[in-house]
Amino acid sequence: MRLRLAAVIAAIATAIAASNPVVAADAGRGADLARRWCASCHVIGDSSGASQQSSVPQGPPSFLSVARGGSSPDELRAFLSHPHGAMPDLSLTRIEIDDLIAYMTSLR
């Protein structure tokens, strides 16, 4: 009886894991999101900034300066979940936020 119950529990756990896979953050997807949603205000490229200039005078920090600014992934996640100041509310999903953080982290 216990063996049968353990087998049923294992089967249920396997089915739940298969239907709800963990998605790892992807810096490439984060870079794509940054180009699409963030580049109109932030410089998102490498440290040279030669390929892009901020369209906002005295604009917001570049992604590189944010990446090197010492904010933890949890702090970035909290900020991106509830942006404030002049930053628009982009209503990013958790996965999109994690992808943006992975991209910023890759710039360090």
PDB file of N, CA and C in Angstrom:
ATOM      1  N   MET A   1       0.828  -1.198   0.000  1.00  0.00           N
ATOM      2  CA  MET A   1       0.000   0.000   0.000  1.00  0.00           C
ATOM      3  C   MET A   1       0.869   1.257   0.000  1.00  0.00           C
ATOM      4  N   ARG A   2       1.894   1.301   0.858  1.00  0.00           N
ATOM      5  CA  ARG A   2       2.771   2.472   0.904  1.00  0.00           C
ATOM      6  C   ARG A   2       3.542   2.636  -0.402  1.00  0.00           C
ATOM      7  N   LEU A   3       3.964   1.538  -0.953  1.00  0.00           N
ATOM      8  CA  LEU A   3       4.698   1.601  -2.216  1.00  0.00           C
ATOM      9  C   LEU A   3       3.809   2.154  -3.324  1.00  0.00           C
ATOM     10  N   ARG A   4       2.556   1.737  -3.341  1.00  0.00           N
ATOM     11  CA  ARG A   4       1.623   2.223  -4.346  1.00  0.00           C
ATOM     12  C   ARG A   4       1.367   3.730  -4.153  1.00  0.00           C
ATOM     13  N   LEU A   5       1.199   4.174  -2.915  1.00  0.00           N
ATOM     14  CA  LEU A   5       0.984   5.586  -2.623  1.00  0.00           C
ATOM     15  C   LEU A   5       2.198   6.411  -3.042  1.00  0.00           C
ATOM     16  N   ALA A   6       3.393   5.909  -2.758  1.00  0.00           N
ATOM     17  CA  ALA A   6       4.619   6.613  -3.158  1.00  0.00           C
ATOM     18  C   ALA A   6       4.705   6.725  -4.676  1.00  0.00           C
ATOM     19  N   ALA A   7       4.306   5.687  -5.374  1.00  0.00           N
ATOM     20  CA  ALA A   7       4.331   5.713  -6.839  1.00  0.00           C
ATOM     21  C   ALA A   7       3.332   6.733  -7.381  1.00  0.00           C
ATOM     22  N   VAL A   8       2.157   6.826  -6.781  1.00  0.00           N
ATOM     23  CA  VAL A   8       1.145   7.793  -7.215  1.00  0.00           C
ATOM     24  C   VAL A   8       1.646   9.211  -6.968  1.00  0.00           C
ATOM     25  N   ILE A   9       2.229   9.443  -5.788  1.00  0.00           N
ATOM     26  CA  ILE A   9       2.754  10.769  -5.462  1.00  0.00           C
ATOM     27  C   ILE A   9       3.878  11.138  -6.427  1.00  0.00           C
ATOM     28  N   ALA A  10       4.755  10.214  -6.735  1.00  0.00           N
ATOM     29  CA  ALA A  10       5.848  10.472  -7.674  1.00  0.00           C
ATOM     30  C   ALA A  10       5.298  10.794  -9.068  1.00  0.00           C
ATOM     31  N   ALA A  11       4.257  10.090  -9.479  1.00  0.00           N
ATOM     32  CA  ALA A  11       3.662  10.336 -10.796  1.00  0.00           C
ATOM     33  C   ALA A  11       3.018  11.721 -10.850  1.00  0.00           C
ATOM     34  N   ILE A  12       2.345  12.115  -9.780  1.00  0.00           N
ATOM     35  CA  ILE A  12       1.722  13.438  -9.726  1.00  0.00           C
ATOM     36  C   ILE A  12       2.792  14.525  -9.761  1.00  0.00           C
ATOM     37  N   ALA A  13       3.860  14.349  -8.973  1.00  0.00           N
ATOM     38  CA  ALA A  13       4.946  15.334  -8.948  1.00  0.00           C
ATOM     39  C   ALA A  13       5.594  15.455 -10.319  1.00  0.00           C
ATOM     40  N   THR A  14       5.784  14.356 -11.007  1.00  0.00           N
ATOM     41  CA  THR A  14       6.371  14.379 -12.349  1.00  0.00           C
ATOM     42  C   THR A  14       5.456  15.108 -13.324  1.00  0.00           C
ATOM     43  N   ALA A  15       4.148  14.866 -13.226  1.00  0.00           N
ATOM     44  CA  ALA A  15       3.194  15.530 -14.122  1.00  0.00           C
ATOM     45  C   ALA A  15       3.165  17.033 -13.875  1.00  0.00           C
ATOM     46  N   ILE A  16       3.214  17.440 -12.612  1.00  0.00           N
ATOM     47  CA  ILE A  16       3.218  18.867 -12.290  1.00  0.00           C
ATOM     48  C   ILE A  16       4.491  19.514 -12.822  1.00  0.00           C
ATOM     49  N   ALA A  17       5.634  18.876 -12.612  1.00  0.00           N
ATOM     50  CA  ALA A  17       6.903  19.429 -13.094  1.00  0.00           C
ATOM     51  C   ALA A  17       6.917  19.535 -14.616  1.00  0.00           C
ATOM     52  N   ALA A  18       6.339  18.561 -15.300  1.00  0.00           N
ATOM     53  CA  ALA A  18       6.329  18.584 -16.766  1.00  0.00           C
ATOM     54  C   ALA A  18       5.412  19.681 -17.305  1.00  0.00           C
ATOM     55  N   SER A  19       4.326  19.972 -16.594  1.00  0.00           N
ATOM     56  CA  SER A  19       3.401  20.995 -17.083  1.00  0.00           C
ATOM     57  C   SER A  19       3.786  22.395 -16.643  1.00  0.00           C
ATOM     58  N   ASN A  20       4.749  22.508 -15.747  1.00  0.00           N
ATOM     59  CA  ASN A  20       5.143  23.812 -15.215  1.00  0.00           C
ATOM     60  C   ASN A  20       6.668  23.906 -15.185  1.00  0.00           C
ATOM     61  N   PRO A  21       7.312  23.848 -16.360  1.00  0.00           N
ATOM     62  CA  PRO A  21       8.771  23.803 -16.381  1.00  0.00           C
ATOM     63  C   PRO A  21       9.392  25.110 -15.893  1.00  0.00           C
ATOM     64  N   VAL A  22      10.538  24.987 -15.272  1.00  0.00           N
ATOM     65  CA  VAL A  22      11.287  26.156 -14.836  1.00  0.00           C
ATOM     66  C   VAL A  22      12.013  26.712 -16.051  1.00  0.00           C
ATOM     67  N   VAL A  23      11.844  27.987 -16.294  1.00  0.00           N
ATOM     68  CA  VAL A  23      12.467  28.630 -17.440  1.00  0.00           C
ATOM     69  C   VAL A  23      13.639  29.455 -16.925  1.00  0.00           C
ATOM     70  N   ALA A  24      14.816  29.138 -17.402  1.00  0.00           N
ATOM     71  CA  ALA A  24      16.006  29.890 -16.989  1.00  0.00           C
ATOM     72  C   ALA A  24      16.009  31.252 -17.672  1.00  0.00           C
ATOM     73  N   ALA A  25      16.507  32.244 -16.938  1.00  0.00           N
ATOM     74  CA  ALA A  25      16.626  33.585 -17.512  1.00  0.00           C
ATOM     75  C   ALA A  25      17.557  33.544 -18.714  1.00  0.00           C
ATOM     76  N   ASP A  26      17.246  34.331 -19.713  1.00  0.00           N
ATOM     77  CA  ASP A  26      17.988  34.327 -20.963  1.00  0.00           C
ATOM     78  C   ASP A  26      18.466  35.745 -21.280  1.00  0.00           C
ATOM     79  N   ALA A  27      19.782  35.951 -21.211  1.00  0.00           N
ATOM     80  CA  ALA A  27      20.353  37.277 -21.470  1.00  0.00           C
ATOM     81  C   ALA A  27      20.084  37.736 -22.905  1.00  0.00           C
ATOM     82  N   GLY A  28      20.034  36.822 -23.851  1.00  0.00           N
ATOM     83  CA  GLY A  28      19.737  37.181 -25.245  1.00  0.00           C
ATOM     84  C   GLY A  28      18.334  37.741 -25.394  1.00  0.00           C
ATOM     85  N   ARG A  29      17.373  37.086 -24.747  1.00  0.00           N
ATOM     86  CA  ARG A  29      16.000  37.617 -24.770  1.00  0.00           C
ATOM     87  C   ARG A  29      15.954  38.955 -24.042  1.00  0.00           C
ATOM     88  N   GLY A  30      16.739  39.089 -22.948  1.00  0.00           N
ATOM     89  CA  GLY A  30      16.796  40.354 -22.223  1.00  0.00           C
ATOM     90  C   GLY A  30      17.342  41.474 -23.087  1.00  0.00           C
ATOM     91  N   ALA A  31      18.363  41.172 -23.885  1.00  0.00           N
ATOM     92  CA  ALA A  31      18.926  42.181 -24.800  1.00  0.00           C
ATOM     93  C   ALA A  31      17.884  42.593 -25.835  1.00  0.00           C
ATOM     94  N   ASP A  32      17.124  41.630 -26.347  1.00  0.00           N
ATOM     95  CA  ASP A  32      16.059  41.948 -27.304  1.00  0.00           C
ATOM     96  C   ASP A  32      15.000  42.852 -26.670  1.00  0.00           C
ATOM     97  N   LEU A  33      14.609  42.528 -25.440  1.00  0.00           N
ATOM     98  CA  LEU A  33      13.628  43.366 -24.732  1.00  0.00           C
ATOM     99  C   LEU A  33      14.175  44.767 -24.506  1.00  0.00           C
ATOM    100  N   ALA A  34      15.443  44.851 -24.122  1.00  0.00           N
ATOM    101  CA  ALA A  34      16.062  46.156 -23.876  1.00  0.00           C
ATOM    102  C   ALA A  34      16.062  46.999 -25.146  1.00  0.00           C
ATOM    103  N   ARG A  35      16.384  46.384 -26.287  1.00  0.00           N
ATOM    104  CA  ARG A  35      16.380  47.121 -27.554  1.00  0.00           C
ATOM    105  C   ARG A  35      14.967  47.586 -27.906  1.00  0.00           C
ATOM    106  N   ARG A  36      13.978  46.742 -27.618  1.00  0.00           N
ATOM    107  CA  ARG A  36      12.600  47.053 -27.987  1.00  0.00           C
ATOM    108  C   ARG A  36      11.964  48.085 -27.049  1.00  0.00           C
ATOM    109  N   TRP A  37      12.151  47.939 -25.729  1.00  0.00           N
ATOM    110  CA  TRP A  37      11.414  48.752 -24.774  1.00  0.00           C
ATOM    111  C   TRP A  37      12.236  49.821 -24.070  1.00  0.00           C
ATOM    112  N   CYS A  38      13.533  49.638 -23.959  1.00  0.00           N
ATOM    113  CA  CYS A  38      14.334  50.509 -23.088  1.00  0.00           C
ATOM    114  C   CYS A  38      15.233  51.474 -23.859  1.00  0.00           C
ATOM    115  N   ALA A  39      15.565  51.128 -25.107  1.00  0.00           N
ATOM    116  CA  ALA A  39      16.554  51.894 -25.868  1.00  0.00           C
ATOM    117  C   ALA A  39      16.105  53.296 -26.232  1.00  0.00           C
ATOM    118  N   SER A  40      14.820  53.593 -26.142  1.00  0.00           N
ATOM    119  CA  SER A  40      14.387  54.949 -26.461  1.00  0.00           C
ATOM    120  C   SER A  40      14.830  55.943 -25.386  1.00  0.00           C
ATOM    121  N   CYS A  41      15.143  55.449 -24.200  1.00  0.00           N
ATOM    122  CA  CYS A  41      15.605  56.330 -23.114  1.00  0.00           C
ATOM    123  C   CYS A  41      16.998  55.968 -22.605  1.00  0.00           C
ATOM    124  N   HIS A  42      17.291  54.677 -22.495  1.00  0.00           N
ATOM    125  CA  HIS A  42      18.564  54.204 -21.939  1.00  0.00           C
ATOM    126  C   HIS A  42      19.536  53.810 -23.044  1.00  0.00           C
ATOM    127  N   VAL A  43      20.810  54.052 -22.822  1.00  0.00           N
ATOM    128  CA  VAL A  43      21.841  53.454 -23.664  1.00  0.00           C
ATOM    129  C   VAL A  43      21.965  52.025 -23.160  1.00  0.00           C
ATOM    130  N   ILE A  44      21.764  51.067 -24.051  1.00  0.00           N
ATOM    131  CA  ILE A  44      21.728  49.676 -23.604  1.00  0.00           C
ATOM    132  C   ILE A  44      22.930  48.864 -24.040  1.00  0.00           C
ATOM    133  N   GLY A  45      23.748  49.392 -24.947  1.00  0.00           N
ATOM    134  CA  GLY A  45      24.862  48.623 -25.499  1.00  0.00           C
ATOM    135  C   GLY A  45      26.063  48.556 -24.585  1.00  0.00           C
ATOM    136  N   ASP A  46      27.197  48.304 -25.186  1.00  0.00           N
ATOM    137  CA  ASP A  46      28.444  48.175 -24.436  1.00  0.00           C
ATOM    138  C   ASP A  46      28.909  49.534 -23.929  1.00  0.00           C
ATOM    139  N   SER A  47      30.041  49.540 -23.287  1.00  0.00           N
ATOM    140  CA  SER A  47      30.532  50.754 -22.635  1.00  0.00           C
ATOM    141  C   SER A  47      30.886  51.871 -23.617  1.00  0.00           C
ATOM    142  N   SER A  48      31.115  51.539 -24.868  1.00  0.00           N
ATOM    143  CA  SER A  48      31.501  52.585 -25.816  1.00  0.00           C
ATOM    144  C   SER A  48      30.355  53.555 -26.086  1.00  0.00           C
ATOM    145  N   GLY A  49      29.130  53.022 -26.108  1.00  0.00           N
ATOM    146  CA  GLY A  49      27.962  53.862 -26.387  1.00  0.00           C
ATOM    147  C   GLY A  49      27.994  54.483 -27.772  1.00  0.00           C
ATOM    148  N   ALA A  50      28.944  54.066 -28.605  1.00  0.00           N
ATOM    149  CA  ALA A  50      29.116  54.687 -29.922  1.00  0.00           C
ATOM    150  C   ALA A  50      27.917  54.448 -30.825  1.00  0.00           C
ATOM    151  N   SER A  51      27.239  53.331 -30.620  1.00  0.00           N
ATOM    152  CA  SER A  51      26.155  53.005 -31.531  1.00  0.00           C
ATOM    153  C   SER A  51      24.818  53.588 -31.109  1.00  0.00           C
ATOM    154  N   GLN A  52      24.752  54.167 -29.928  1.00  0.00           N
ATOM    155  CA  GLN A  52      23.471  54.660 -29.447  1.00  0.00           C
ATOM    156  C   GLN A  52      23.673  55.815 -28.478  1.00  0.00           C
ATOM    157  N   GLN A  53      22.811  56.798 -28.579  1.00  0.00           N
ATOM    158  CA  GLN A  53      22.778  57.907 -27.635  1.00  0.00           C
ATOM    159  C   GLN A  53      21.382  57.953 -27.032  1.00  0.00           C
ATOM    160  N   SER A  54      21.285  58.359 -25.773  1.00  0.00           N
ATOM    161  CA  SER A  54      19.984  58.504 -25.139  1.00  0.00           C
ATOM    162  C   SER A  54      19.229  59.643 -25.809  1.00  0.00           C
ATOM    163  N   SER A  55      17.934  59.464 -26.003  1.00  0.00           N
ATOM    164  CA  SER A  55      17.110  60.509 -26.598  1.00  0.00           C
ATOM    165  C   SER A  55      16.614  61.492 -25.543  1.00  0.00           C
ATOM    166  N   VAL A  56      16.912  61.219 -24.284  1.00  0.00           N
ATOM    167  CA  VAL A  56      16.449  62.061 -23.188  1.00  0.00           C
ATOM    168  C   VAL A  56      17.611  62.902 -22.681  1.00  0.00           C
ATOM    169  N   PRO A  57      17.497  64.236 -22.728  1.00  0.00           N
ATOM    170  CA  PRO A  57      18.576  65.074 -22.191  1.00  0.00           C
ATOM    171  C   PRO A  57      18.776  64.759 -20.712  1.00  0.00           C
ATOM    172  N   GLN A  58      20.032  64.730 -20.292  1.00  0.00           N
ATOM    173  CA  GLN A  58      20.341  64.326 -18.915  1.00  0.00           C
ATOM    174  C   GLN A  58      19.609  63.023 -18.603  1.00  0.00           C
ATOM    175  N   GLY A  59      19.696  62.099 -19.553  1.00  0.00           N
ATOM    176  CA  GLY A  59      18.900  60.879 -19.524  1.00  0.00           C
ATOM    177  C   GLY A  59      19.190  59.935 -18.375  1.00  0.00           C
ATOM    178  N   PRO A  60      18.426  58.896 -18.329  1.00  0.00           N
ATOM    179  CA  PRO A  60      18.581  57.886 -17.294  1.00  0.00           C
ATOM    180  C   PRO A  60      19.896  57.147 -17.463  1.00  0.00           C
ATOM    181  N   PRO A  61      20.304  56.408 -16.449  1.00  0.00           N
ATOM    182  CA  PRO A  61      21.583  55.708 -16.533  1.00  0.00           C
ATOM    183  C   PRO A  61      21.592  54.645 -17.632  1.00  0.00           C
ATOM    184  N   SER A  62      22.782  54.405 -18.157  1.00  0.00           N
ATOM    185  CA  SER A  62      22.926  53.337 -19.153  1.00  0.00           C
ATOM    186  C   SER A  62      22.770  51.984 -18.451  1.00  0.00           C
ATOM    187  N   PHE A  63      22.507  50.970 -19.241  1.00  0.00           N
ATOM    188  CA  PHE A  63      22.415  49.631 -18.676  1.00  0.00           C
ATOM    189  C   PHE A  63      23.751  49.225 -18.061  1.00  0.00           C
ATOM    190  N   LEU A  64      24.850  49.641 -18.687  1.00  0.00           N
ATOM    191  CA  LEU A  64      26.164  49.299 -18.145  1.00  0.00           C
ATOM    192  C   LEU A  64      26.357  49.914 -16.762  1.00  0.00           C
ATOM    193  N   SER A  65      25.977  51.184 -16.593  1.00  0.00           N
ATOM    194  CA  SER A  65      26.145  51.803 -15.283  1.00  0.00           C
ATOM    195  C   SER A  65      25.217  51.174 -14.252  1.00  0.00           C
ATOM    196  N   VAL A  66      24.028  50.763 -14.648  1.00  0.00           N
ATOM    197  CA  VAL A  66      23.139  50.055 -13.725  1.00  0.00           C
ATOM    198  C   VAL A  66      23.755  48.710 -13.349  1.00  0.00           C
ATOM    199  N   ALA A  67      24.286  48.005 -14.349  1.00  0.00           N
ATOM    200  CA  ALA A  67      24.885  46.691 -14.095  1.00  0.00           C
ATOM    201  C   ALA A  67      26.062  46.788 -13.132  1.00  0.00           C
ATOM    202  N   ARG A  68      26.849  47.833 -13.298  1.00  0.00           N
ATOM    203  CA  ARG A  68      28.034  47.998 -12.448  1.00  0.00           C
ATOM    204  C   ARG A  68      27.740  48.781 -11.176  1.00  0.00           C
ATOM    205  N   GLY A  69      26.497  49.210 -11.000  1.00  0.00           N
ATOM    206  CA  GLY A  69      26.127  50.036  -9.856  1.00  0.00           C
ATOM    207  C   GLY A  69      25.993  49.303  -8.545  1.00  0.00           C
ATOM    208  N   GLY A  70      26.060  48.014  -8.562  1.00  0.00           N
ATOM    209  CA  GLY A  70      26.029  47.256  -7.319  1.00  0.00           C
ATOM    210  C   GLY A  70      24.653  46.793  -6.870  1.00  0.00           C
ATOM    211  N   SER A  71      23.610  47.057  -7.649  1.00  0.00           N
ATOM    212  CA  SER A  71      22.285  46.570  -7.271  1.00  0.00           C
ATOM    213  C   SER A  71      22.242  45.059  -7.436  1.00  0.00           C
ATOM    214  N   SER A  72      21.644  44.405  -6.464  1.00  0.00           N
ATOM    215  CA  SER A  72      21.504  42.951  -6.541  1.00  0.00           C
ATOM    216  C   SER A  72      20.382  42.607  -7.513  1.00  0.00           C
ATOM    217  N   PRO A  73      20.353  41.374  -7.998  1.00  0.00           N
ATOM    218  CA  PRO A  73      19.237  40.962  -8.859  1.00  0.00           C
ATOM    219  C   PRO A  73      17.881  41.166  -8.175  1.00  0.00           C
ATOM    220  N   ASP A  74      17.808  40.929  -6.866  1.00  0.00           N
ATOM    221  CA  ASP A  74      16.545  41.133  -6.157  1.00  0.00           C
ATOM    222  C   ASP A  74      16.142  42.604  -6.138  1.00  0.00           C
ATOM    223  N   GLU A  75      17.111  43.502  -5.975  1.00  0.00           N
ATOM    224  CA  GLU A  75      16.810  44.936  -6.002  1.00  0.00           C
ATOM    225  C   GLU A  75      16.348  45.367  -7.395  1.00  0.00           C
ATOM    226  N   LEU A  76      17.022  44.866  -8.431  1.00  0.00           N
ATOM    227  CA  LEU A  76      16.600  45.178  -9.798  1.00  0.00           C
ATOM    228  C   LEU A  76      15.206  44.633 -10.076  1.00  0.00           C
ATOM    229  N   ARG A  77      14.950  43.409  -9.596  1.00  0.00           N
ATOM    230  CA  ARG A  77      13.637  42.794  -9.801  1.00  0.00           C
ATOM    231  C   ARG A  77      12.541  43.640  -9.139  1.00  0.00           C
ATOM    232  N   ALA A  78      12.800  44.107  -7.915  1.00  0.00           N
ATOM    233  CA  ALA A  78      11.813  44.928  -7.215  1.00  0.00           C
ATOM    234  C   ALA A  78      11.567  46.229  -7.978  1.00  0.00           C
ATOM    235  N   PHE A  79      12.625  46.859  -8.466  1.00  0.00           N
ATOM    236  CA  PHE A  79      12.465  48.108  -9.212  1.00  0.00           C
ATOM    237  C   PHE A  79      11.693  47.888 -10.502  1.00  0.00           C
ATOM    238  N   LEU A  80      12.055  46.858 -11.257  1.00  0.00           N
ATOM    239  CA  LEU A  80      11.401  46.612 -12.537  1.00  0.00           C
ATOM    240  C   LEU A  80       9.952  46.140 -12.369  1.00  0.00           C
ATOM    241  N   SER A  81       9.638  45.579 -11.218  1.00  0.00           N
ATOM    242  CA  SER A  81       8.267  45.146 -10.950  1.00  0.00           C
ATOM    243  C   SER A  81       7.356  46.332 -10.652  1.00  0.00           C
ATOM    244  N   HIS A  82       7.935  47.398 -10.081  1.00  0.00           N
ATOM    245  CA  HIS A  82       7.166  48.579  -9.703  1.00  0.00           C
ATOM    246  C   HIS A  82       7.969  49.833 -10.034  1.00  0.00           C
ATOM    247  N   PRO A  83       8.154  50.133 -11.322  1.00  0.00           N
ATOM    248  CA  PRO A  83       8.965  51.294 -11.693  1.00  0.00           C
ATOM    249  C   PRO A  83       8.355  52.583 -11.154  1.00  0.00           C
ATOM    250  N   HIS A  84       9.215  53.561 -10.940  1.00  0.00           N
ATOM    251  CA  HIS A  84       8.736  54.837 -10.432  1.00  0.00           C
ATOM    252  C   HIS A  84       9.544  55.957 -11.060  1.00  0.00           C
ATOM    253  N   GLY A  85       9.197  57.165 -10.706  1.00  0.00           N
ATOM    254  CA  GLY A  85       9.857  58.302 -11.330  1.00  0.00           C
ATOM    255  C   GLY A  85       9.338  58.481 -12.741  1.00  0.00           C
ATOM    256  N   ALA A  86      10.214  58.867 -13.631  1.00  0.00           N
ATOM    257  CA  ALA A  86       9.830  59.129 -15.013  1.00  0.00           C
ATOM    258  C   ALA A  86       9.714  57.851 -15.846  1.00  0.00           C
ATOM    259  N   MET A  87      10.077  56.717 -15.267  1.00  0.00           N
ATOM    260  CA  MET A  87      10.048  55.465 -16.015  1.00  0.00           C
ATOM    261  C   MET A  87       8.607  54.985 -16.201  1.00  0.00           C
ATOM    262  N   PRO A  88       8.229  54.638 -17.440  1.00  0.00           N
ATOM    263  CA  PRO A  88       6.863  54.165 -17.662  1.00  0.00           C
ATOM    264  C   PRO A  88       6.663  52.773 -17.082  1.00  0.00           C
ATOM    265  N   ASP A  89       5.424  52.456 -16.753  1.00  0.00           N
ATOM    266  CA  ASP A  89       5.092  51.118 -16.284  1.00  0.00           C
ATOM    267  C   ASP A  89       4.900  50.235 -17.514  1.00  0.00           C
ATOM    268  N   LEU A  90       5.870  49.376 -17.774  1.00  0.00           N
ATOM    269  CA  LEU A  90       5.823  48.535 -18.963  1.00  0.00           C
ATOM    270  C   LEU A  90       5.047  47.248 -18.740  1.00  0.00           C
ATOM    271  N   SER A  91       4.636  46.992 -17.501  1.00  0.00           N
ATOM    272  CA  SER A  91       3.912  45.760 -17.166  1.00  0.00           C
ATOM    273  C   SER A  91       4.661  44.530 -17.657  1.00  0.00           C
ATOM    274  N   LEU A  92       5.926  44.440 -17.280  1.00  0.00           N
ATOM    275  CA  LEU A  92       6.755  43.304 -17.674  1.00  0.00           C
ATOM    276  C   LEU A  92       6.366  42.059 -16.890  1.00  0.00           C
ATOM    277  N   THR A  93       6.455  40.909 -17.527  1.00  0.00           N
ATOM    278  CA  THR A  93       6.208  39.653 -16.830  1.00  0.00           C
ATOM    279  C   THR A  93       7.430  39.312 -15.980  1.00  0.00           C
ATOM    280  N   ARG A  94       7.280  38.361 -15.093  1.00  0.00           N
ATOM    281  CA  ARG A  94       8.415  37.923 -14.266  1.00  0.00           C
ATOM    282  C   ARG A  94       9.539  37.372 -15.141  1.00  0.00           C
ATOM    283  N   ILE A  95       9.172  36.646 -16.170  1.00  0.00           N
ATOM    284  CA  ILE A  95      10.183  36.076 -17.065  1.00  0.00           C
ATOM    285  C   ILE A  95      10.923  37.190 -17.800  1.00  0.00           C
ATOM    286  N   GLU A  96      10.203  38.202 -18.281  1.00  0.00           N
ATOM    287  CA  GLU A  96      10.850  39.321 -18.969  1.00  0.00           C
ATOM    288  C   GLU A  96      11.782  40.074 -18.028  1.00  0.00           C
ATOM    289  N   ILE A  97      11.355  40.267 -16.795  1.00  0.00           N
ATOM    290  CA  ILE A  97      12.208  40.935 -15.807  1.00  0.00           C
ATOM    291  C   ILE A  97      13.469  40.126 -15.563  1.00  0.00           C
ATOM    292  N   ASP A  98      13.328  38.820 -15.399  1.00  0.00           N
ATOM    293  CA  ASP A  98      14.504  37.970 -15.183  1.00  0.00           C
ATOM    294  C   ASP A  98      15.434  37.995 -16.387  1.00  0.00           C
ATOM    295  N   ASP A  99      14.865  38.039 -17.598  1.00  0.00           N
ATOM    296  CA  ASP A  99      15.689  38.116 -18.805  1.00  0.00           C
ATOM    297  C   ASP A  99      16.446  39.443 -18.865  1.00  0.00           C
ATOM    298  N   LEU A 100      15.780  40.543 -18.517  1.00  0.00           N
ATOM    299  CA  LEU A 100      16.473  41.855 -18.485  1.00  0.00           C
ATOM    300  C   LEU A 100      17.583  41.861 -17.452  1.00  0.00           C
ATOM    301  N   ILE A 101      17.331  41.275 -16.292  1.00  0.00           N
ATOM    302  CA  ILE A 101      18.359  41.210 -15.255  1.00  0.00           C
ATOM    303  C   ILE A 101      19.532  40.351 -15.725  1.00  0.00           C
ATOM    304  N   ALA A 102      19.231  39.245 -16.396  1.00  0.00           N
ATOM    305  CA  ALA A 102      20.319  38.404 -16.925  1.00  0.00           C
ATOM    306  C   ALA A 102      21.164  39.175 -17.929  1.00  0.00           C
ATOM    307  N   TYR A 103      20.507  39.986 -18.766  1.00  0.00           N
ATOM    308  CA  TYR A 103      21.254  40.803 -19.729  1.00  0.00           C
ATOM    309  C   TYR A 103      22.124  41.844 -19.003  1.00  0.00           C
ATOM    310  N   MET A 104      21.536  42.549 -18.044  1.00  0.00           N
ATOM    311  CA  MET A 104      22.315  43.545 -17.301  1.00  0.00           C
ATOM    312  C   MET A 104      23.493  42.900 -16.574  1.00  0.00           C
ATOM    313  N   THR A 105      23.260  41.742 -16.000  1.00  0.00           N
ATOM    314  CA  THR A 105      24.329  41.037 -15.305  1.00  0.00           C
ATOM    315  C   THR A 105      25.441  40.633 -16.273  1.00  0.00           C
ATOM    316  N   SER A 106      25.074  40.309 -17.502  1.00  0.00           N
ATOM    317  CA  SER A 106      26.081  39.908 -18.494  1.00  0.00           C
ATOM    318  C   SER A 106      26.984  41.082 -18.879  1.00  0.00           C
ATOM    319  N   LEU A 107      26.539  42.311 -18.625  1.00  0.00           N
ATOM    320  CA  LEU A 107      27.330  43.491 -18.970  1.00  0.00           C
ATOM    321  C   LEU A 107      28.437  43.796 -17.956  1.00  0.00           C
ATOM    322  N   ARG A 108      28.345  43.175 -16.790  1.00  0.00           N
ATOM    323  CA  ARG A 108      29.322  43.444 -15.724  1.00  0.00           C
ATOM    324  C   ARG A 108      30.701  43.079 -16.122  1.00  0.00           C
TER     325      ARG A 108
END
